[in-house]
Amino acid sequence: MRPTFYGLEIARKGLHVSQANLEVTAHNIANANTEGYTRQQVVQKAVEPNVGMGLFAYGGYAVVGGVDIQQVRQIRDAYLDIQYRKEVLSLGEWEVKRDILSYIEAIFNEPSDSGINTVLNEFFNALQALSLNPEDPTTRATVQQKALALTENIRNVYTKLEELQREANQAIISYVSDINAYAQEIAALNEQIYKFEITGKPANDLRDQRNLLVDKLAKIVQVSVYEDANGRFRVDIAGQTLVYHTKAYLLDTVKRSSSVEDGKYPKNNYIDVDDLVEVVWKDTGEKVNITGGILKGYIDMRDGIGGKEQPLPGVPEELSGTTPTAGQFKPAPNQNTEYGIPYYMRMWNLFAHTLMITFNEIHSQGYALVVDEETGGLRTGIDFFSDGSGSYDPTDLSRPIAKYITISDDIRNDWNNIAAIYLDKNDIDDLSKYFGEDVDESVLATYAKGNNKNILRLLELRYKTYVPECDNMDNFTKALISTLGVASRQAAHMADNQEMLVNEMDKRRQSVSGVSLDEEMANMVRFQHAYNASARILTAIDEMLDVLINRMGVVGR
């Protein structure tokens, strides 16, 4: 038969379980606004009666044994976690690309009153005015100043692009440090969780901290997580282990070589700034396969050349009269074809390089208004633009023209060195008739007052350039800005779409894992009533036992 006092045990279990439910509910409410917190739930089970040897049975029927706590579990959906981390990975990448491309747009500042198209237009307008009055000192001074403004704009854009590349590189170093910090924290939490749960108790709050770190890590770099049957937790990056149980395998950054051909980590692009880094595994030195997230966004923007680098063009044969030399360099070993900062640096340098060598080639064939003391004729062979060095070496790739372009010292010191005069065959023949065929051409030029043919030849460059990517100088800059605008809008569009998807996935996760204060308040009332009911049962059984012990058998005394 059943023990007389077993009803007290059933009531006690009811009180215990109801109290546990209330405590878990209070814990949920207290952490309703805690980042990464997952609501918890007490899992109850009915205690099966022990009916062996006829115990706990009435008339052959088993009577239940009360209630007990099976576990305190987290309400979490692993599939939603995977989907959330997948979408937040893309969000991190596109947010970086959107922000950097938007900043590049601000650097070019187009359309505006100070952008490249405006200063280029003003420079050629000044040349046009000089063609109408080639000996006017005021007009010559205007050409000089507009040329200075043009070269300053080109240098300023290129310098800011270099600064932006350095900033992207520094961001990569910073995020690698964050990854290492998260990995070490996860490894420490793994140890705490393992030691705690080996006793049979769940470490739900520690697991929440670990899941929050994995969420943050998933926005920086693509990760996969696994937990085996023994509770050992692992985090991988592209199949390589970042964390295994209590061990963290850290990343590192190493500087690339200064050459595209030397070293284990060669320079990616000829136009890259120095000291860019490669992300590697600290233990092996092997490159990390970065396939998504904030880190990939920064790497694509820092390294993306938009395709293989092409040789810088030489002086066209129709301007120099000689066949141009072969390409000045071979394509760099860059496999990143994203349209990143190096693409715009390369195109900007291509524009400046072509402007300088073609403009100088034509300008040097004309005659200035300054007499050469040695020949007695007008000066010729004067370069209009310079790279700031004594003599421009087109094979020196450490001096990109866009970074150093300026007007030559001859033009800076005396605007009369602007070569407006050009003698074609007819001019030479006509002048030779009067001054003799044996007179030096530079001397003949002194008699060609008002000649503006070299300025007219220079003006033709505005609508005929030798940049392979575009048909003329105006269209080249417009096409570059247009390409940037399209890329920037696409990145902004993709970032907006991903943000919407991440918000949707987060809502789904919160609908499962988040704390609803209304639901918890309803649970609190329910568990409070259950506790009160168990207390009433305890009181009722106590009264029954009091009757049994103190009052039975006293009738008739």
Protein backbone atom coordinates (compact mmCIF):
# COMPACT_ATOMS: atom_id res chain seq x y z
CA MET A 1 0.00 0.00 0.00
CA ARG A 2 1.06 3.63 -0.37
CA PRO A 3 3.07 5.31 2.40
CA THR A 4 0.90 7.53 4.54
CA PHE A 5 3.13 10.59 4.14
CA TYR A 6 3.75 10.35 0.37
CA GLY A 7 1.20 13.07 -0.37
CA LEU A 8 3.49 15.53 1.40
CA GLU A 9 6.31 14.56 -1.00
CA ILE A 10 4.09 15.15 -4.04
CA ALA A 11 3.07 18.57 -2.74
CA ARG A 12 6.69 19.41 -1.92
CA LYS A 13 7.72 18.55 -5.50
CA GLY A 14 4.94 20.75 -6.82
CA LEU A 15 6.17 23.65 -4.70
CA HIS A 16 9.76 23.07 -5.83
CA VAL A 17 8.91 22.96 -9.55
CA SER A 18 6.62 26.00 -9.35
CA GLN A 19 9.30 27.93 -7.51
CA ALA A 20 11.87 26.98 -10.16
CA ASN A 21 9.49 28.12 -12.90
CA LEU A 22 9.04 31.46 -11.14
CA GLU A 23 12.80 31.91 -10.76
CA VAL A 24 13.43 31.15 -14.45
CA THR A 25 10.62 33.56 -15.38
CA ALA A 26 12.22 36.24 -13.21
CA HIS A 27 15.58 35.53 -14.90
CA ASN A 28 13.97 35.95 -18.33
CA ILE A 29 12.34 39.24 -17.37
CA ALA A 30 15.56 40.57 -15.86
CA ASN A 31 17.44 39.84 -19.10
CA ALA A 32 14.76 41.01 -21.53
CA ASN A 33 17.11 43.74 -22.81
CA THR A 34 20.38 41.81 -22.50
CA GLU A 35 22.11 41.49 -25.89
CA GLY A 36 22.36 37.89 -27.03
CA TYR A 37 20.19 36.51 -24.23
CA THR A 38 18.05 33.46 -25.06
CA ARG A 39 14.90 32.89 -23.06
CA GLN A 40 14.90 29.80 -20.86
CA GLN A 41 12.22 27.31 -19.95
CA VAL A 42 11.82 24.67 -17.25
CA VAL A 43 11.06 21.27 -18.74
CA GLN A 44 8.90 19.25 -16.35
CA LYS A 45 8.09 15.59 -16.29
CA ALA A 46 5.66 13.47 -14.32
CA VAL A 47 7.30 11.12 -11.81
CA GLU A 48 6.38 7.54 -12.56
CA PRO A 49 5.11 5.61 -9.54
CA ASN A 50 7.02 2.62 -8.20
CA VAL A 51 4.41 -0.15 -8.35
CA GLY A 52 6.79 -2.97 -7.51
CA MET A 53 5.65 -5.28 -4.71
CA GLY A 54 2.26 -3.58 -4.73
CA LEU A 55 3.51 -0.23 -3.51
CA PHE A 56 1.84 3.03 -4.70
CA ALA A 57 -1.23 1.17 -5.92
CA TYR A 58 -4.87 1.16 -4.97
CA GLY A 59 -6.85 -1.82 -6.07
CA GLY A 60 -4.27 -2.70 -8.68
CA TYR A 61 -4.15 0.81 -10.16
CA ALA A 62 -0.88 2.77 -10.08
CA VAL A 63 -1.02 6.24 -8.58
CA VAL A 64 1.33 8.91 -10.01
CA GLY A 65 4.33 10.17 -8.08
CA GLY A 66 4.21 13.94 -8.63
CA VAL A 67 6.42 16.16 -10.78
CA ASP A 68 10.14 16.73 -11.28
CA ILE A 69 12.44 19.04 -13.31
CA GLN A 70 13.98 17.36 -16.32
CA GLN A 71 16.10 20.34 -17.49
CA VAL A 72 16.23 24.10 -17.85
CA ARG A 73 16.61 24.58 -21.59
CA GLN A 74 17.21 27.46 -23.98
CA ILE A 75 14.55 28.13 -26.60
CA ARG A 76 16.79 28.45 -29.66
CA ASP A 77 16.54 27.40 -33.32
CA ALA A 78 19.92 26.37 -34.77
CA TYR A 79 18.65 26.74 -38.34
CA LEU A 80 17.71 30.39 -37.76
CA ASP A 81 21.17 30.99 -36.28
CA ILE A 82 22.77 29.64 -39.46
CA GLN A 83 20.55 31.78 -41.69
CA TYR A 84 21.14 34.90 -39.61
CA ARG A 85 24.91 34.47 -39.72
CA LYS A 86 24.81 33.86 -43.45
CA GLU A 87 22.91 37.10 -44.10
CA VAL A 88 24.90 39.22 -41.62
CA LEU A 89 28.08 38.02 -43.36
CA SER A 90 26.94 39.60 -46.65
CA LEU A 91 25.71 42.69 -44.83
CA GLY A 92 29.16 43.30 -43.33
CA GLU A 93 30.81 43.01 -46.75
CA TRP A 94 28.42 45.30 -48.59
CA GLU A 95 28.35 47.92 -45.84
CA VAL A 96 32.12 48.28 -46.16
CA LYS A 97 31.97 48.51 -49.96
CA ARG A 98 29.12 51.02 -49.82
CA ASP A 99 30.97 53.27 -47.37
CA ILE A 100 34.31 53.18 -49.20
CA LEU A 101 32.83 53.74 -52.66
CA SER A 102 30.77 56.59 -51.26
CA TYR A 103 33.97 58.12 -49.89
CA ILE A 104 35.70 57.72 -53.26
CA GLU A 105 32.79 59.62 -54.82
CA ALA A 106 33.42 62.40 -52.32
CA ILE A 107 37.12 62.42 -53.28
CA PHE A 108 36.35 62.89 -56.98
CA ASN A 109 33.65 65.41 -56.04
CA GLU A 110 31.73 65.17 -59.30
CA PRO A 111 29.74 66.97 -60.48
CA SER A 112 30.93 70.15 -58.77
CA ASP A 113 32.63 73.49 -59.39
CA SER A 114 35.96 72.06 -58.22
CA GLY A 115 35.89 68.59 -59.79
CA ILE A 116 38.17 67.32 -62.52
CA ASN A 117 35.75 68.05 -65.35
CA THR A 118 35.48 71.69 -64.26
CA VAL A 119 39.23 72.33 -63.91
CA LEU A 120 39.98 70.42 -67.13
CA ASN A 121 37.39 72.49 -68.95
CA GLU A 122 38.82 75.73 -67.53
CA PHE A 123 42.34 74.73 -68.59
CA PHE A 124 41.37 74.03 -72.18
CA ASN A 125 39.23 77.18 -72.27
CA ALA A 126 42.31 79.15 -71.26
CA LEU A 127 44.26 77.48 -74.09
CA GLN A 128 41.44 78.37 -76.45
CA ALA A 129 41.69 82.00 -75.37
CA LEU A 130 45.48 81.88 -75.86
CA SER A 131 45.01 80.59 -79.39
CA LEU A 132 43.16 83.82 -80.20
CA ASN A 133 45.95 86.02 -78.84
CA PRO A 134 49.06 83.86 -78.42
CA GLU A 135 51.38 86.68 -77.33
CA ASP A 136 49.13 88.21 -74.66
CA PRO A 137 50.87 87.96 -71.25
CA THR A 138 47.61 88.03 -69.30
CA THR A 139 46.21 85.08 -71.24
CA ARG A 140 49.50 83.22 -70.84
CA ALA A 141 49.37 83.81 -67.08
CA THR A 142 45.83 82.41 -67.05
CA VAL A 143 46.97 79.25 -68.83
CA GLN A 144 49.77 78.88 -66.28
CA GLN A 145 47.40 79.21 -63.32
CA LYS A 146 44.74 76.93 -64.77
CA ALA A 147 47.42 74.31 -65.42
CA LEU A 148 48.50 74.58 -61.78
CA ALA A 149 44.90 74.12 -60.66
CA LEU A 150 44.52 71.07 -62.92
CA THR A 151 47.68 69.37 -61.66
CA GLU A 152 46.79 70.16 -58.04
CA ASN A 153 43.39 68.53 -58.52
CA ILE A 154 44.98 65.41 -60.02
CA ARG A 155 47.55 65.15 -57.22
CA ASN A 156 44.97 65.77 -54.51
CA VAL A 157 42.65 63.00 -55.78
CA TYR A 158 45.47 60.49 -56.08
CA THR A 159 46.90 61.32 -52.64
CA LYS A 160 43.50 60.89 -51.01
CA LEU A 161 43.04 57.54 -52.76
CA GLU A 162 46.40 56.43 -51.34
CA GLU A 163 45.32 57.57 -47.88
CA LEU A 164 42.09 55.65 -48.24
CA GLN A 165 44.01 52.50 -49.20
CA ARG A 166 46.16 52.88 -46.09
CA GLU A 167 43.05 53.31 -43.96
CA ALA A 168 41.50 50.16 -45.45
CA ASN A 169 44.73 48.33 -44.68
CA GLN A 170 44.66 49.56 -41.08
CA ALA A 171 41.05 48.43 -40.76
CA ILE A 172 42.08 44.94 -41.89
CA ILE A 173 44.76 44.83 -39.18
CA SER A 174 42.21 46.00 -36.61
CA TYR A 175 39.61 43.40 -37.57
CA VAL A 176 42.21 40.61 -37.50
CA SER A 177 42.90 41.66 -33.89
CA ASP A 178 39.15 41.51 -33.20
CA ILE A 179 38.95 38.00 -34.66
CA ASN A 180 41.80 36.86 -32.44
CA ALA A 181 40.18 38.43 -29.38
CA TYR A 182 36.84 36.74 -30.13
CA ALA A 183 38.59 33.40 -30.73
CA GLN A 184 40.35 33.57 -27.38
CA GLU A 185 37.14 34.53 -25.57
CA ILE A 186 35.28 31.63 -27.22
CA ALA A 187 38.04 29.20 -26.21
CA ALA A 188 37.85 30.45 -22.60
CA LEU A 189 34.06 30.11 -22.59
CA ASN A 190 34.36 26.59 -24.05
CA GLU A 191 36.44 25.60 -21.05
CA GLN A 192 34.00 27.11 -18.58
CA ILE A 193 30.99 25.54 -20.28
CA TYR A 194 32.64 22.13 -20.48
CA LYS A 195 33.61 22.14 -16.81
CA PHE A 196 30.18 23.33 -15.74
CA GLU A 197 28.13 20.97 -17.87
CA ILE A 198 30.23 17.90 -17.06
CA THR A 199 28.46 17.99 -13.69
CA GLY A 200 25.14 17.59 -15.50
CA LYS A 201 23.99 21.20 -15.16
CA PRO A 202 23.32 23.42 -18.20
CA ALA A 203 25.49 26.52 -18.71
CA ASN A 204 22.82 28.43 -20.58
CA ASP A 205 24.05 31.95 -19.82
CA LEU A 206 27.62 31.06 -20.78
CA ARG A 207 26.30 29.57 -24.02
CA ASP A 208 24.51 32.86 -24.72
CA GLN A 209 27.79 34.74 -24.34
CA ARG A 210 29.47 32.31 -26.74
CA ASN A 211 26.69 32.55 -29.32
CA LEU A 212 26.87 36.35 -29.16
CA LEU A 213 30.61 36.21 -29.89
CA VAL A 214 29.98 33.86 -32.82
CA ASP A 215 27.37 36.30 -34.17
CA LYS A 216 29.87 39.16 -34.01
CA LEU A 217 32.55 36.98 -35.59
CA ALA A 218 30.16 35.95 -38.38
CA LYS A 219 29.83 39.57 -39.52
CA ILE A 220 33.61 39.94 -39.86
CA VAL A 221 34.47 36.65 -41.57
CA GLN A 222 32.67 33.54 -42.76
CA VAL A 223 32.66 30.93 -39.98
CA SER A 224 31.20 27.49 -39.42
CA VAL A 225 30.47 26.11 -35.94
CA TYR A 226 30.22 22.53 -34.72
CA GLU A 227 29.67 20.85 -31.36
CA ASP A 228 30.35 17.14 -30.95
CA ALA A 229 28.58 14.66 -28.69
CA ASN A 230 31.13 15.29 -25.94
CA GLY A 231 30.39 19.01 -25.87
CA ARG A 232 33.59 20.10 -27.62
CA PHE A 233 32.87 23.26 -29.62
CA ARG A 234 34.71 24.19 -32.83
CA VAL A 235 34.79 27.28 -35.04
CA ASP A 236 36.21 27.10 -38.58
CA ILE A 237 37.19 29.71 -41.19
CA ALA A 238 36.95 28.24 -44.70
CA GLY A 239 37.61 24.73 -43.38
CA GLN A 240 40.56 25.80 -41.20
CA THR A 241 40.14 25.61 -37.44
CA LEU A 242 40.01 28.91 -35.59
CA VAL A 243 38.87 27.47 -32.25
CA TYR A 244 38.80 23.86 -31.14
CA HIS A 245 37.49 23.35 -27.63
CA THR A 246 39.90 25.31 -25.37
CA LYS A 247 42.51 26.03 -28.07
CA ALA A 248 42.45 29.14 -30.29
CA TYR A 249 44.45 29.21 -33.53
CA LEU A 250 45.21 32.87 -34.10
CA LEU A 251 45.55 34.94 -37.28
CA ASP A 252 48.34 37.35 -38.06
CA THR A 253 49.18 40.11 -40.54
CA VAL A 254 52.51 40.22 -42.41
CA LYS A 255 53.73 43.01 -44.66
CA ARG A 256 53.92 42.36 -48.36
CA SER A 257 57.13 42.75 -50.31
CA SER A 258 57.92 46.03 -52.04
CA SER A 259 58.13 44.13 -55.36
CA VAL A 260 55.50 42.29 -57.37
CA GLU A 261 58.00 39.50 -57.97
CA ASP A 262 59.89 39.09 -54.70
CA GLY A 263 59.07 37.24 -51.51
CA LYS A 264 56.40 34.87 -50.29
CA TYR A 265 53.94 37.75 -50.09
CA PRO A 266 54.51 39.86 -53.23
CA LYS A 267 53.09 43.29 -53.82
CA ASN A 268 49.65 42.94 -55.37
CA ASN A 269 49.63 45.97 -57.68
CA TYR A 270 52.30 48.28 -59.00
CA ILE A 271 50.40 51.31 -57.77
CA ASP A 272 49.79 50.00 -54.21
CA VAL A 273 51.16 52.00 -51.32
CA ASP A 274 53.89 50.36 -49.25
CA ASP A 275 53.42 48.19 -46.15
CA LEU A 276 50.10 46.62 -47.09
CA VAL A 277 49.55 43.38 -45.20
CA GLU A 278 48.51 39.82 -45.94
CA VAL A 279 46.21 37.96 -43.52
CA VAL A 280 47.81 34.64 -42.56
CA TRP A 281 47.56 31.87 -39.97
CA LYS A 282 49.99 32.70 -37.19
CA ASP A 283 51.24 29.13 -36.75
CA THR A 284 51.85 28.28 -40.42
CA GLY A 285 52.14 31.60 -42.25
CA GLU A 286 49.67 30.38 -44.88
CA LYS A 287 47.20 32.88 -46.30
CA VAL A 288 43.71 32.80 -44.84
CA ASN A 289 40.94 32.15 -47.34
CA ILE A 290 38.64 35.12 -46.73
CA THR A 291 35.32 34.51 -48.48
CA GLY A 292 32.94 36.99 -46.91
CA GLY A 293 32.17 39.54 -44.24
CA ILE A 294 33.65 42.87 -43.24
CA LEU A 295 37.18 41.57 -43.76
CA LYS A 296 36.47 40.58 -47.37
CA GLY A 297 34.86 43.96 -48.00
CA TYR A 298 38.01 45.77 -46.90
CA ILE A 299 40.31 43.38 -48.79
CA ASP A 300 38.30 43.77 -52.01
CA MET A 301 38.32 47.55 -51.69
CA ARG A 302 42.01 47.70 -50.78
CA ASP A 303 43.23 45.25 -53.46
CA GLY A 304 40.61 45.23 -56.22
CA ILE A 305 42.23 46.27 -59.50
CA GLY A 306 39.16 45.68 -61.69
CA GLY A 307 41.08 43.23 -63.86
CA LYS A 308 44.72 42.76 -64.76
CA GLU A 309 46.92 45.85 -64.77
CA GLN A 310 47.81 47.03 -68.25
CA PRO A 311 51.08 48.62 -69.41
CA LEU A 312 51.17 52.40 -69.42
CA PRO A 313 51.09 53.69 -73.02
CA GLY A 314 54.13 55.35 -74.56
CA VAL A 315 54.19 58.36 -76.87
CA PRO A 316 52.01 57.60 -79.92
CA GLU A 317 53.88 57.24 -83.21
CA GLU A 318 51.78 59.90 -84.93
CA LEU A 319 53.00 62.44 -82.36
CA SER A 320 56.62 61.38 -81.97
CA GLY A 321 57.31 59.95 -85.40
CA THR A 322 58.79 56.82 -83.82
CA THR A 323 57.27 53.51 -82.84
CA PRO A 324 56.42 53.48 -79.09
CA THR A 325 58.36 51.16 -76.84
CA ALA A 326 56.87 47.98 -75.43
CA GLY A 327 54.81 48.01 -72.24
CA GLN A 328 56.62 49.36 -69.24
CA PHE A 329 55.66 46.52 -66.93
CA LYS A 330 54.09 43.12 -66.84
CA PRO A 331 50.71 42.58 -65.17
CA ALA A 332 51.04 42.24 -61.40
CA PRO A 333 50.06 38.94 -59.70
CA ASN A 334 46.72 40.27 -58.50
CA GLN A 335 43.73 37.96 -58.77
CA ASN A 336 41.28 40.37 -57.16
CA THR A 337 39.13 41.75 -59.98
CA GLU A 338 36.78 43.79 -57.76
CA TYR A 339 36.55 47.49 -58.60
CA GLY A 340 38.38 48.71 -55.51
CA ILE A 341 40.66 51.61 -54.64
CA PRO A 342 43.58 50.38 -56.84
CA TYR A 343 41.31 50.40 -59.89
CA TYR A 344 40.58 54.11 -59.48
CA MET A 345 44.24 54.80 -58.65
CA ARG A 346 45.31 52.95 -61.80
CA MET A 347 42.80 54.73 -64.02
CA TRP A 348 43.62 58.11 -62.52
CA ASN A 349 47.32 57.51 -63.08
CA LEU A 350 46.60 56.37 -66.63
CA PHE A 351 44.75 59.63 -67.26
CA ALA A 352 47.55 61.76 -65.79
CA HIS A 353 50.27 59.76 -67.55
CA THR A 354 48.59 60.07 -70.94
CA LEU A 355 47.87 63.76 -70.45
CA MET A 356 51.48 64.48 -69.54
CA ILE A 357 53.31 62.52 -72.22
CA THR A 358 51.03 63.50 -75.11
CA PHE A 359 50.80 67.16 -74.06
CA ASN A 360 54.56 67.38 -73.53
CA GLU A 361 55.29 65.69 -76.86
CA ILE A 362 53.29 68.30 -78.78
CA HIS A 363 54.36 71.23 -76.61
CA SER A 364 58.06 70.36 -76.96
CA GLN A 365 57.76 70.55 -80.77
CA GLY A 366 56.65 74.19 -80.59
CA TYR A 367 58.53 77.44 -79.96
CA ALA A 368 58.29 79.76 -76.97
CA LEU A 369 58.61 83.54 -76.94
CA VAL A 370 61.98 83.30 -75.18
CA VAL A 371 65.24 83.55 -77.18
CA ASP A 372 67.82 80.82 -76.73
CA GLU A 373 71.18 82.50 -76.14
CA GLU A 374 73.08 79.63 -77.80
CA THR A 375 71.14 79.45 -81.07
CA GLY A 376 69.85 83.00 -81.22
CA GLY A 377 66.42 81.61 -82.08
CA LEU A 378 63.31 80.91 -80.01
CA ARG A 379 63.48 78.18 -77.38
CA THR A 380 62.00 74.78 -78.23
CA GLY A 381 61.93 71.32 -76.67
CA ILE A 382 60.23 72.64 -73.52
CA ASP A 383 58.05 70.28 -71.48
CA PHE A 384 54.80 71.75 -70.18
CA PHE A 385 54.13 69.20 -67.40
CA SER A 386 56.62 67.53 -65.06
CA ASP A 387 56.62 64.81 -62.41
CA GLY A 388 58.64 67.04 -60.09
CA SER A 389 61.92 65.24 -60.73
CA GLY A 390 64.86 66.43 -62.81
CA SER A 391 63.93 64.15 -65.69
CA TYR A 392 60.88 61.97 -66.06
CA ASP A 393 61.59 58.25 -66.26
CA PRO A 394 58.48 56.44 -67.55
CA THR A 395 59.84 53.10 -66.35
CA ASP A 396 60.06 54.29 -62.72
CA LEU A 397 56.80 52.93 -61.36
CA SER A 398 57.56 54.21 -57.87
CA ARG A 399 56.67 57.69 -59.15
CA PRO A 400 53.12 57.49 -60.47
CA ILE A 401 52.44 60.60 -62.53
CA ALA A 402 49.10 61.30 -60.85
CA LYS A 403 50.86 61.63 -57.50
CA TYR A 404 53.60 64.01 -58.64
CA ILE A 405 52.32 65.82 -61.75
CA THR A 406 52.88 69.56 -61.84
CA ILE A 407 53.89 72.17 -64.40
CA SER A 408 57.56 72.27 -65.41
CA ASP A 409 59.92 74.80 -63.89
CA ASP A 410 60.22 76.52 -67.28
CA ILE A 411 56.48 77.22 -67.39
CA ARG A 412 56.32 78.03 -63.67
CA ASN A 413 59.15 80.58 -63.86
CA ASP A 414 58.14 82.29 -67.12
CA TRP A 415 54.82 81.96 -68.92
CA ASN A 416 56.56 83.12 -72.09
CA ASN A 417 57.92 79.55 -72.25
CA ILE A 418 54.46 78.37 -73.27
CA ALA A 419 55.15 77.17 -76.81
CA ALA A 420 52.37 78.56 -79.00
CA ILE A 421 54.34 78.66 -82.26
CA TYR A 422 54.60 75.67 -84.56
CA LEU A 423 56.12 75.74 -88.05
CA ASP A 424 54.70 73.24 -90.46
CA LYS A 425 56.28 72.55 -93.86
CA ASN A 426 54.43 75.40 -95.57
CA ASP A 427 55.54 77.88 -92.90
CA ILE A 428 59.16 76.80 -93.22
CA ASP A 429 59.07 77.03 -97.01
CA ASP A 430 57.54 80.52 -96.94
CA LEU A 431 59.97 81.88 -94.36
CA SER A 432 62.97 80.29 -96.09
CA LYS A 433 62.20 82.23 -99.24
CA TYR A 434 62.83 85.49 -97.39
CA PHE A 435 65.53 84.54 -94.90
CA GLY A 436 67.37 81.73 -96.66
CA GLU A 437 67.16 77.99 -96.46
CA ASP A 438 70.30 77.74 -94.35
CA VAL A 439 68.76 79.71 -91.47
CA ASP A 440 68.03 77.60 -88.35
CA GLU A 441 64.35 76.78 -87.89
CA SER A 442 64.36 78.28 -84.38
CA VAL A 443 65.54 81.57 -85.89
CA LEU A 444 62.82 81.42 -88.53
CA ALA A 445 60.29 81.02 -85.72
CA THR A 446 61.22 84.49 -84.43
CA TYR A 447 59.55 85.90 -87.51
CA ALA A 448 56.34 83.88 -87.04
CA LYS A 449 54.61 86.43 -84.87
CA GLY A 450 51.03 85.57 -83.99
CA ASN A 451 51.50 81.91 -84.90
CA ASN A 452 49.15 79.78 -82.76
CA LYS A 453 49.39 76.42 -84.49
CA ASN A 454 50.95 74.61 -81.54
CA ILE A 455 48.12 75.73 -79.27
CA LEU A 456 45.64 74.43 -81.82
CA ARG A 457 47.47 71.09 -81.83
CA LEU A 458 47.28 70.99 -78.03
CA LEU A 459 43.56 71.75 -78.09
CA GLU A 460 42.98 68.69 -80.26
CA LEU A 461 44.07 66.50 -77.33
CA ARG A 462 40.87 67.37 -75.53
CA TYR A 463 38.91 65.35 -78.02
CA LYS A 464 41.55 62.86 -79.05
CA THR A 465 43.51 61.07 -76.39
CA TYR A 466 45.47 57.85 -76.48
CA VAL A 467 43.95 56.13 -73.47
CA PRO A 468 42.76 52.69 -74.66
CA GLU A 469 39.73 52.70 -72.36
CA CYS A 470 38.08 55.79 -73.87
CA ASP A 471 37.98 57.84 -77.04
CA ASN A 472 38.89 61.27 -75.65
CA MET A 473 40.03 63.05 -72.52
CA ASP A 474 36.65 64.53 -71.59
CA ASN A 475 34.89 61.22 -72.01
CA PHE A 476 37.60 59.39 -70.09
CA THR A 477 36.96 61.33 -66.88
CA LYS A 478 33.19 61.19 -67.34
CA ALA A 479 33.28 57.43 -67.97
CA LEU A 480 35.41 56.90 -64.86
CA ILE A 481 33.02 58.91 -62.68
CA SER A 482 30.08 57.07 -64.23
CA THR A 483 31.66 53.69 -63.46
CA LEU A 484 32.21 54.79 -59.87
CA GLY A 485 28.61 56.00 -59.57
CA VAL A 486 27.20 52.70 -60.83
CA ALA A 487 29.42 50.70 -58.47
CA SER A 488 28.51 52.92 -55.52
CA ARG A 489 24.76 52.68 -56.18
CA GLN A 490 24.99 48.91 -56.55
CA ALA A 491 26.84 48.61 -53.23
CA ALA A 492 24.29 50.85 -51.51
CA HIS A 493 21.44 48.82 -53.01
CA MET A 494 22.99 45.52 -51.93
CA ALA A 495 23.67 46.85 -48.42
CA ASP A 496 20.05 48.02 -48.08
CA ASN A 497 18.75 44.64 -49.25
CA GLN A 498 21.01 42.76 -46.87
CA GLU A 499 20.03 45.01 -43.98
CA MET A 500 16.39 44.19 -44.64
CA LEU A 501 17.16 40.45 -44.76
CA VAL A 502 19.20 40.61 -41.56
CA ASN A 503 16.42 42.48 -39.78
CA GLU A 504 13.91 39.87 -40.96
CA MET A 505 16.10 36.98 -39.82
CA ASP A 506 16.70 38.70 -36.50
CA LYS A 507 12.94 39.11 -36.01
CA ARG A 508 12.47 35.42 -36.65
CA ARG A 509 15.18 34.55 -34.16
CA GLN A 510 13.71 36.90 -31.60
CA SER A 511 10.26 35.41 -32.09
CA VAL A 512 11.75 32.11 -30.96
CA SER A 513 14.55 33.09 -28.62
CA GLY A 514 13.63 36.57 -27.46
CA VAL A 515 11.88 37.43 -24.21
CA SER A 516 8.25 38.57 -24.48
CA LEU A 517 7.36 40.48 -21.34
CA ASP A 518 3.66 39.85 -21.90
CA GLU A 519 4.24 36.10 -22.16
CA GLU A 520 6.52 36.06 -19.12
CA MET A 521 3.95 37.99 -17.04
CA ALA A 522 1.29 35.47 -18.01
CA ASN A 523 3.65 32.64 -17.04
CA MET A 524 4.39 34.33 -13.74
CA VAL A 525 0.69 34.40 -12.85
CA ARG A 526 0.28 30.78 -13.94
CA PHE A 527 3.25 29.54 -11.91
CA GLN A 528 2.19 31.63 -8.91
CA HIS A 529 -1.23 29.95 -8.93
CA ALA A 530 0.42 26.56 -9.28
CA TYR A 531 2.64 27.32 -6.28
CA ASN A 532 -0.35 28.47 -4.24
CA ALA A 533 -2.28 25.33 -5.21
CA SER A 534 0.60 23.08 -4.15
CA ALA A 535 0.78 24.95 -0.86
CA ARG A 536 -2.95 24.39 -0.35
CA ILE A 537 -2.50 20.67 -1.04
CA LEU A 538 0.25 20.61 1.55
CA THR A 539 -2.05 22.30 4.02
CA ALA A 540 -4.88 19.88 3.26
CA ILE A 541 -2.68 16.82 3.73
CA ASP A 542 -1.36 18.30 6.96
CA GLU A 543 -4.91 18.66 8.23
CA MET A 544 -5.68 15.08 7.17
CA LEU A 545 -2.65 13.77 9.01
CA ASP A 546 -3.58 15.82 12.04
CA VAL A 547 -6.97 14.09 12.08
CA LEU A 548 -5.33 10.72 11.53
CA ILE A 549 -2.76 11.10 14.25
CA ASN A 550 -4.41 13.21 16.87
CA ARG A 551 -8.12 12.49 16.56
CA MET A 552 -8.63 8.91 15.43
CA GLY A 553 -9.51 6.48 18.22
CA VAL A 554 -10.42 9.09 20.78
CA VAL A 555 -14.18 8.88 20.24
CA GLY A 556 -15.95 7.69 23.36
CA ARG A 557 -13.07 8.21 25.76
